[in-house]
Amino acid sequence: MPQSLSLAIDIICASLQLNRPELDVTASTPLMGAFPDFNSLTIMSIVNAIEEQLGCEIEDEELTAELFESFGTVATFIDSKMS
């Protein structure tokens, strides 16, 4: 599993207060509409965690609905911030 996907899963599960070992998550696992607790507060929690973990700053313009379509789209975003 790529490092960015593993980090995305860890961050998202923590933000949604999900038990990662119990989840069967892949890059294609959807986010928006798939988890009842996935809302704007969850998004801000994910963004804050990415900024803290990677020591980066995420601009408002970078936050699009497409970014939060799936675990994989978040992982791709993380990958872009890691480079």
Protein backbone atom coordinates (compact mmCIF):
# COMPACT_ATOMS: atom_id res chain seq x y z
CA MET A 1 0.00 0.00 0.00
CA PRO A 2 1.46 3.39 -0.93
CA GLN A 3 2.49 5.60 1.99
CA SER A 4 0.09 8.37 0.92
CA LEU A 5 -2.89 5.98 0.87
CA SER A 6 -1.99 4.56 4.28
CA LEU A 7 -1.72 8.10 5.67
CA ALA A 8 -5.03 9.09 4.05
CA ILE A 9 -6.77 6.09 5.60
CA ASP A 10 -5.27 6.82 9.03
CA ILE A 11 -6.29 10.49 8.91
CA ILE A 12 -9.79 9.87 7.58
CA CYS A 13 -10.49 7.05 10.04
CA ALA A 14 -9.31 9.24 12.94
CA SER A 15 -11.44 12.15 11.72
CA LEU A 16 -14.52 9.94 11.42
CA GLN A 17 -13.66 8.06 14.63
CA LEU A 18 -13.64 4.75 12.76
CA ASN A 19 -11.71 1.64 13.77
CA ARG A 20 -9.30 1.16 10.86
CA PRO A 21 -8.66 -2.58 11.36
CA GLU A 22 -12.38 -3.27 10.98
CA LEU A 23 -12.64 -1.39 7.67
CA ASP A 24 -11.98 -2.90 4.26
CA VAL A 25 -10.80 0.30 2.57
CA THR A 26 -9.18 0.73 -0.84
CA ALA A 27 -8.32 3.78 -2.91
CA SER A 28 -11.70 3.53 -4.64
CA THR A 29 -13.71 3.50 -1.41
CA PRO A 30 -16.01 6.55 -1.61
CA LEU A 31 -16.17 9.23 1.05
CA MET A 32 -18.86 11.77 0.21
CA GLY A 33 -22.24 10.22 0.80
CA ALA A 34 -20.76 6.95 2.06
CA PHE A 35 -20.29 7.93 5.70
CA PRO A 36 -23.15 9.66 7.55
CA ASP A 37 -20.74 11.65 9.71
CA PHE A 38 -18.74 12.96 6.75
CA ASN A 39 -19.44 16.70 6.78
CA SER A 40 -17.69 20.07 6.75
CA LEU A 41 -16.28 19.52 10.24
CA THR A 42 -14.80 16.21 9.11
CA ILE A 43 -13.25 17.94 6.10
CA MET A 44 -11.63 20.57 8.32
CA SER A 45 -10.33 17.84 10.62
CA ILE A 46 -8.80 16.01 7.64
CA VAL A 47 -7.25 19.22 6.30
CA ASN A 48 -5.78 20.11 9.71
CA ALA A 49 -4.37 16.61 10.13
CA ILE A 50 -2.73 16.70 6.68
CA GLU A 51 -1.19 20.08 7.45
CA GLU A 52 0.13 18.84 10.80
CA GLN A 53 1.43 15.50 9.50
CA LEU A 54 3.16 16.99 6.46
CA GLY A 55 4.09 20.39 7.81
CA CYS A 56 2.40 22.11 4.90
CA GLU A 57 -0.27 24.73 4.37
CA ILE A 58 -3.38 23.98 2.34
CA GLU A 59 -4.95 26.93 0.58
CA ASP A 60 -8.74 27.33 0.43
CA GLU A 61 -8.58 27.16 -3.38
CA GLU A 62 -7.22 23.62 -3.13
CA LEU A 63 -10.30 22.36 -1.30
CA THR A 64 -12.72 21.04 -3.89
CA ALA A 65 -15.50 18.46 -3.76
CA GLU A 66 -13.44 16.24 -6.07
CA LEU A 67 -10.67 16.09 -3.46
CA PHE A 68 -13.00 14.27 -1.07
CA GLU A 69 -14.61 11.82 -3.51
CA SER A 70 -12.69 8.80 -2.24
CA PHE A 71 -9.83 7.65 -0.06
CA GLY A 72 -7.71 7.55 -3.22
CA THR A 73 -8.36 11.17 -4.17
CA VAL A 74 -7.27 12.25 -0.70
CA ALA A 75 -4.17 10.03 -1.04
CA THR A 76 -3.33 11.62 -4.40
CA PHE A 77 -3.63 15.05 -2.81
CA ILE A 78 -1.38 13.97 0.07
CA ASP A 79 1.12 12.62 -2.46
CA SER A 80 1.20 16.00 -4.22
CA LYS A 81 1.87 17.73 -0.89
CA MET A 82 4.67 15.28 -0.04
CA SER A 83 6.67 16.16 -3.17
